[in-house]
Protein backbone atom coordinates (compact mmCIF):
# COMPACT_ATOMS: atom_id res chain seq x y z
CA MET A 1 84.05 73.92 97.34
CA ALA A 2 87.09 76.00 95.64
CA ILE A 3 88.92 78.54 97.23
CA ARG A 4 87.40 81.73 95.78
CA ASN A 5 89.38 84.10 93.58
CA ILE A 6 88.36 87.63 94.08
CA ASP A 7 89.31 89.90 90.72
CA VAL A 8 89.25 93.65 91.92
CA ALA A 9 89.44 94.68 88.44
CA LYS A 10 86.11 92.72 87.60
CA ASP A 11 84.70 94.48 90.90
CA ASN A 12 85.46 97.88 89.67
CA LEU A 13 87.96 98.50 92.50
CA THR A 14 90.85 99.05 90.34
CA PHE A 15 92.25 102.36 89.17
CA GLY A 16 93.70 103.40 85.56
CA LYS A 17 93.65 101.81 82.01
CA LEU A 18 95.34 98.87 82.92
CA ASN A 19 93.87 97.87 86.28
CA ASP A 20 97.41 97.45 87.75
CA VAL A 21 96.34 98.98 91.49
CA SER A 22 93.25 99.00 93.55
CA TYR A 23 93.28 101.48 96.88
CA ARG A 24 90.52 101.20 99.23
CA SER A 25 90.07 102.33 102.66
CA PHE A 26 89.51 99.37 104.98
CA SER A 27 85.97 100.37 105.96
CA HIS A 28 85.27 100.83 102.25
CA MET A 29 86.54 97.44 101.49
CA ALA A 30 84.53 96.00 104.72
CA SER A 31 81.45 97.69 103.63
CA PHE A 32 81.65 96.26 100.22
CA TYR A 33 82.91 92.52 100.67
CA GLY A 34 81.65 92.16 104.58
CA ARG A 35 83.57 92.25 107.92
CA PHE A 36 83.41 88.43 108.07
CA MET A 37 85.75 88.01 104.67
CA GLU A 38 85.20 84.52 103.42
CA PRO A 39 88.43 82.37 102.55
CA HIS A 40 89.71 83.56 99.25
CA ARG A 41 92.86 84.87 97.30
CA HIS A 42 93.46 87.34 94.65
CA GLU A 43 95.18 85.50 91.43
CA GLY A 44 97.67 88.10 89.64
CA TYR A 45 97.85 90.31 92.47
CA PHE A 46 99.84 90.78 95.50
CA GLN A 47 97.75 92.44 98.33
CA LEU A 48 98.97 94.68 101.31
CA HIS A 49 96.59 95.17 104.02
CA TYR A 50 97.50 97.55 106.71
CA ILE A 51 95.42 97.84 109.96
CA ASP A 52 95.99 101.05 111.85
CA PHE A 53 93.22 100.67 114.55
CA GLY A 54 90.97 98.22 115.82
CA TYR A 55 90.88 94.28 116.14
CA ILE A 56 91.16 91.66 113.45
CA ASN A 57 91.01 88.01 113.78
CA LEU A 58 92.72 86.28 110.51
CA ASN A 59 93.26 83.00 108.87
CA LEU A 60 96.35 83.44 106.77
CA ASP A 61 97.59 80.93 104.43
CA ASP A 62 97.86 77.42 106.44
CA SER A 63 97.75 79.26 109.93
CA VAL A 64 94.37 79.81 111.64
CA ASN A 65 93.08 81.88 114.29
CA LEU A 66 95.62 84.63 114.43
CA THR A 67 95.15 87.67 116.58
CA PRO A 68 98.30 89.68 115.44
CA LYS A 69 98.53 92.85 117.60
CA VAL A 70 97.78 96.36 115.77
CA PRO A 71 99.11 98.31 113.98
CA LEU A 72 99.38 95.47 111.23
CA LEU A 73 101.23 95.10 107.72
CA ILE A 74 99.68 91.62 106.04
CA LEU A 75 100.94 90.79 102.71
CA THR A 76 99.93 88.25 100.82
CA PRO A 77 100.93 87.04 97.34
CA PRO A 78 98.59 85.73 94.54
CA SER A 79 98.54 82.04 95.82
CA ALA A 80 97.98 82.80 99.59
CA PRO A 81 94.51 82.30 100.49
CA HIS A 82 93.24 84.57 103.44
CA SER A 83 90.20 85.27 105.32
CA PHE A 84 89.42 87.29 108.52
CA PHE A 85 86.83 88.94 110.90
CA THR A 86 86.98 92.46 112.04
CA THR A 87 84.78 94.46 114.12
CA ASN A 88 83.18 97.71 113.20
CA GLU A 89 85.68 100.23 114.27
CA THR A 90 88.67 98.35 112.77
CA THR A 91 90.11 100.83 110.30
CA GLY A 92 93.16 100.97 107.78
CA HIS A 93 93.89 100.57 103.90
CA VAL A 94 94.05 97.85 101.29
CA LEU A 95 95.98 97.91 98.36
CA THR A 96 95.75 95.39 95.58
CA VAL A 97 98.40 95.39 92.90
CA ARG A 98 99.25 93.57 89.93
CA GLU A 99 102.11 90.92 90.31
CA SER A 100 104.09 92.39 87.65
CA LEU A 101 104.90 95.51 89.49
CA ILE A 102 105.99 93.54 92.78
CA THR A 103 107.46 90.62 91.60
CA PRO A 104 111.04 92.34 90.07
CA ILE A 105 111.38 94.11 93.64
CA ILE A 106 110.90 91.10 95.52
CA GLU A 107 113.35 89.29 93.06
CA LYS A 108 116.00 92.44 93.64
CA LEU A 109 115.63 92.60 97.22
CA TYR A 110 115.79 88.80 98.31
CA HIS A 111 117.35 87.32 95.27
CA SER A 112 118.99 84.59 97.26
CA ASN A 113 115.79 83.35 98.17
CA PRO A 114 112.88 85.30 96.69
CA ASN A 115 110.45 82.40 97.47
CA ILE A 116 110.11 83.58 101.19
CA ILE A 117 108.08 86.35 99.72
CA LEU A 118 106.60 85.23 96.54
CA ASN A 119 104.71 82.03 97.55
CA LYS A 120 104.02 82.57 101.41
CA ALA A 121 102.05 85.18 103.23
CA VAL A 122 103.50 86.94 106.05
CA PHE A 123 102.35 89.37 108.65
CA LEU A 124 104.34 92.06 110.67
CA SER A 125 102.99 94.08 113.92
CA PHE A 126 105.02 97.44 115.04
CA ALA A 127 104.59 100.05 117.79
CA GLU A 128 102.21 102.82 117.49
CA ASN A 129 104.81 105.17 117.67
CA SER A 130 107.33 103.93 115.42
CA GLU A 131 109.08 104.99 112.75
CA ILE A 132 107.85 102.65 110.20
CA LYS A 133 104.13 103.34 111.10
CA LYS A 134 104.80 107.27 110.66
CA ASN A 135 105.99 106.47 107.09
CA ILE A 136 103.61 104.24 106.21
CA ASP A 137 100.87 106.63 107.37
CA ARG A 138 102.52 109.21 105.01
CA PHE A 139 102.79 106.82 102.02
CA PHE A 140 98.91 106.27 102.18
CA ARG A 141 98.10 109.95 102.71
CA ILE A 142 100.08 110.46 99.30
CA ILE A 143 98.50 107.53 97.40
CA GLN A 144 94.84 108.75 98.62
CA SER A 145 95.62 112.20 97.47
CA SER A 146 97.00 111.28 94.23
CA ILE A 147 93.56 108.98 93.51
CA GLU A 148 91.21 112.06 94.61
CA ASN A 149 92.96 114.08 92.32
CA VAL A 150 92.84 112.49 88.97
CA ASP A 151 94.96 113.45 86.31
CA THR A 152 96.26 111.73 82.70
CA ASP A 153 99.68 110.60 84.42
CA GLN A 154 97.48 108.89 87.25
CA ASP A 155 98.52 105.37 85.84
CA LEU A 156 102.46 106.30 86.07
CA VAL A 157 102.03 108.15 89.52
CA LEU A 158 100.15 105.17 91.45
CA SER A 159 102.68 102.27 89.98
CA HIS A 160 105.34 104.26 91.43
CA LEU A 161 103.79 105.09 94.79
CA VAL A 162 102.84 101.51 95.34
CA GLN A 163 106.25 100.10 94.08
CA SER A 164 107.92 102.72 96.61
CA LEU A 165 105.80 101.64 99.24
CA PHE A 166 106.40 97.77 98.75
CA SER A 167 110.29 98.64 98.20
CA TYR A 168 109.92 100.82 101.85
CA ILE A 169 108.05 97.73 103.53
CA LEU A 170 110.22 95.04 102.11
CA CYS A 171 113.60 96.70 102.80
CA LYS A 172 112.75 97.50 106.80
CA ARG A 173 114.89 95.65 109.15
CA GLU A 174 111.70 94.85 111.19
CA PHE A 175 110.14 93.32 108.09
CA LYS A 176 113.47 91.32 107.45
CA ASP A 177 113.61 90.28 110.92
CA SER A 178 110.20 88.53 110.62
CA LEU A 179 111.79 86.32 108.31
CA THR A 180 114.12 83.52 107.88
CA VAL A 181 116.23 85.04 105.18
CA ALA A 182 119.23 83.13 103.60
CA PRO A 183 122.38 85.20 103.26
CA MET A 184 123.13 86.80 99.95
CA VAL A 185 125.53 84.92 97.86
CA ASN A 186 126.84 85.82 94.37
CA GLY A 187 126.62 83.19 91.44
CA ASP A 188 124.36 81.01 89.96
CA LEU A 189 121.23 83.07 91.28
CA THR A 190 119.48 82.78 87.71
CA ILE A 191 119.54 79.29 87.86
CA PHE A 192 118.38 79.02 91.64
CA GLN A 193 115.42 81.36 91.03
CA ASN A 194 114.13 79.42 87.68
CA PHE A 195 114.23 76.37 90.05
CA ILE A 196 112.12 78.08 92.42
CA LYS A 197 110.01 79.18 89.47
CA LEU A 198 109.81 75.41 88.13
CA ILE A 199 108.66 74.19 91.48
CA GLU A 200 105.85 76.61 91.36
CA ALA A 201 104.77 75.56 88.15
CA ASN A 202 104.93 71.71 88.50
CA TYR A 203 104.90 71.14 92.49
CA HIS A 204 101.84 68.99 91.77
CA LYS A 205 103.28 66.65 89.07
CA GLN A 206 105.75 64.89 91.63
CA LEU A 207 108.87 65.64 89.57
CA SER A 208 112.01 64.20 91.03
CA VAL A 209 115.24 66.03 91.85
CA PRO A 210 116.62 64.72 88.67
CA ASP A 211 113.84 65.46 86.76
CA TYR A 212 114.41 69.43 87.81
CA ALA A 213 117.83 68.99 87.14
CA ARG A 214 117.19 68.00 83.46
CA LEU A 215 114.68 70.86 83.07
CA LEU A 216 117.24 73.41 84.03
CA SER A 217 120.02 71.63 82.27
CA ILE A 218 122.32 70.93 85.29
CA THR A 219 123.44 68.03 86.91
CA ASP A 220 121.77 66.70 90.28
CA SER A 221 124.85 67.71 92.26
CA LYS A 222 124.96 71.10 90.81
CA LEU A 223 121.39 71.86 92.03
CA LYS A 224 121.98 70.28 95.44
CA ASP A 225 124.95 72.14 95.73
CA MET A 226 123.40 75.88 94.68
CA CYS A 227 120.15 74.91 96.59
CA ARG A 228 122.83 74.10 99.85
CA ARG A 229 124.32 78.00 99.46
CA PHE A 230 121.05 79.95 98.77
CA SER A 231 118.44 78.25 100.81
CA SER A 232 120.38 76.09 103.48
CA LEU A 233 117.80 73.36 102.43
CA PRO A 234 118.32 70.39 99.88
CA PRO A 235 116.13 70.39 96.39
CA LYS A 236 113.85 67.51 97.77
CA ARG A 237 112.95 69.36 101.04
CA MET A 238 112.15 72.58 99.07
CA ILE A 239 110.01 70.82 96.73
CA PHE A 240 108.09 68.80 99.53
CA GLU A 241 107.71 72.19 101.65
CA ARG A 242 105.85 73.71 98.59
CA VAL A 243 103.85 70.29 97.98
CA LEU A 244 103.07 70.44 102.13
CA LEU A 245 102.15 74.11 101.82
CA GLU A 246 99.48 73.39 99.01
CA ALA A 247 97.99 70.47 100.92
CA LYS A 248 97.47 72.55 103.99
CA ARG A 249 95.84 75.44 102.15
CA ARG A 250 93.32 73.42 100.44
CA LEU A 251 92.68 71.07 103.75
CA VAL A 252 91.97 74.59 105.62
CA TYR A 253 90.36 76.00 102.58
CA SER A 254 88.31 73.50 100.32
CA ASP A 255 86.07 71.03 100.91
CA ARG A 256 87.50 68.62 98.61
CA SER A 257 87.89 65.17 100.04
CA ILE A 258 91.26 63.93 100.91
CA ASN A 259 91.98 61.64 98.17
CA GLN A 260 90.84 64.46 95.71
CA ILE A 261 93.38 66.76 97.20
CA ALA A 262 95.92 63.67 96.88
CA ALA A 263 95.21 63.39 93.30
CA ASP A 264 95.36 67.14 92.77
CA LEU A 265 98.83 66.99 94.39
CA GLY A 266 100.06 64.25 92.15
CA PHE A 267 99.77 61.33 94.52
CA THR A 268 98.71 58.32 92.82
CA ASP A 269 98.25 56.26 96.21
CA PRO A 270 96.34 58.56 99.16
CA SER A 271 97.83 56.42 101.61
CA TYR A 272 101.14 57.95 100.43
CA PHE A 273 99.98 61.12 100.81
CA ALA A 274 98.50 60.44 104.29
CA ARG A 275 102.24 59.14 105.28
CA PHE A 276 103.40 61.93 103.72
CA PHE A 277 101.63 64.39 105.46
CA VAL A 278 102.17 62.79 109.00
CA ARG A 279 105.94 62.43 108.53
CA CYS A 280 105.81 66.10 107.80
CA VAL A 281 103.36 67.56 110.10
CA GLY A 282 102.80 64.79 112.78
CA GLN A 283 99.10 64.68 112.33
CA THR A 284 96.81 62.96 109.63
CA PRO A 285 95.21 65.03 106.94
CA SER A 286 92.15 64.23 108.67
CA GLN A 287 93.09 65.36 111.81
CA TRP A 288 94.46 68.54 110.55
CA ARG A 289 91.44 69.42 108.78
CA LYS A 290 89.44 68.75 111.81
CA ARG A 291 91.28 71.18 114.15
CA SER A 292 91.08 73.87 111.09
CA LYS A 293 87.47 73.44 110.70
CA ASN A 294 87.02 73.73 114.39
CA MET A 295 88.89 76.84 114.57
CA GLN A 296 86.64 78.44 111.22
CA HIS A 297 83.34 77.51 113.15
CA ILE A 298 84.48 79.25 116.13
CA TYR A 299 85.44 82.09 113.87
CA GLN A 300 82.04 81.96 112.03
CA ASP A 301 80.42 81.73 115.65
CA ILE A 302 82.26 84.87 116.65
CA HIS A 303 81.09 86.57 113.48
CA HIS A 304 77.30 85.65 114.25
CA ILE A 305 77.59 86.92 117.93
CA THR A 306 78.46 90.27 116.94
CA THR A 307 76.16 90.83 114.01
CA VAL A 308 72.59 89.54 116.10
């Protein structure tokens, strides 16, 4: 079973001619898709969940059975799978926004390491009486109002509103403190950003550091130096981290065999994939999958108990 892609435009949940923005209350989305949301992703869209009350049990990217404190923001990029269970009283808001509206903001605000937001799901809990909660509540009241009062400028209004909301969140100290962000440094940023994009496009091909250097038209040593300055990780480690992230995702969220997953990620020898995984994680792929599936079963049992 492949990880399901949910296209909010095809489900008629978007607003505007370009289908750039989907907004619904969390209760509405739960009634549409269910309180037990199966593993899925949104290709081409960032999604922002804002849970302001209740309980959520969350499987996010390669982490399972999270129970973060509410109020809560959950930001998932297009590639990140997620699933969750919520109780009937859980409330909040859900924004699903075309990535072309959000990526430029991330690349500007996190230009030394945009990969930390572009490819990895993150979440942030904060205090009930905090400034960030009060301001996010205001943003969503304005977004709701703009949707309820449809006019010819709706596309423009909505796109600017959601961009402002994402900018506000991504700029907040509380959000940045939840990440490991490399310091901003000037020079060679465009090349480094292109390296990150190349990893995303080619991580499953088992390209070497010299291969990436040739694609970027630079020397191996220059690529290593840029990665040291901008990410504090060597390029080989950056490539491995992306391969490892995808391996974890597929072990958790798909039913493909370990040999098939190894082949999908460019490993011609399944035993080499197993050694790679053990070296990075400390567990075999089958052990990782078993642990994750056990958590999924617990998760489904909770859903069954609460719905009978």
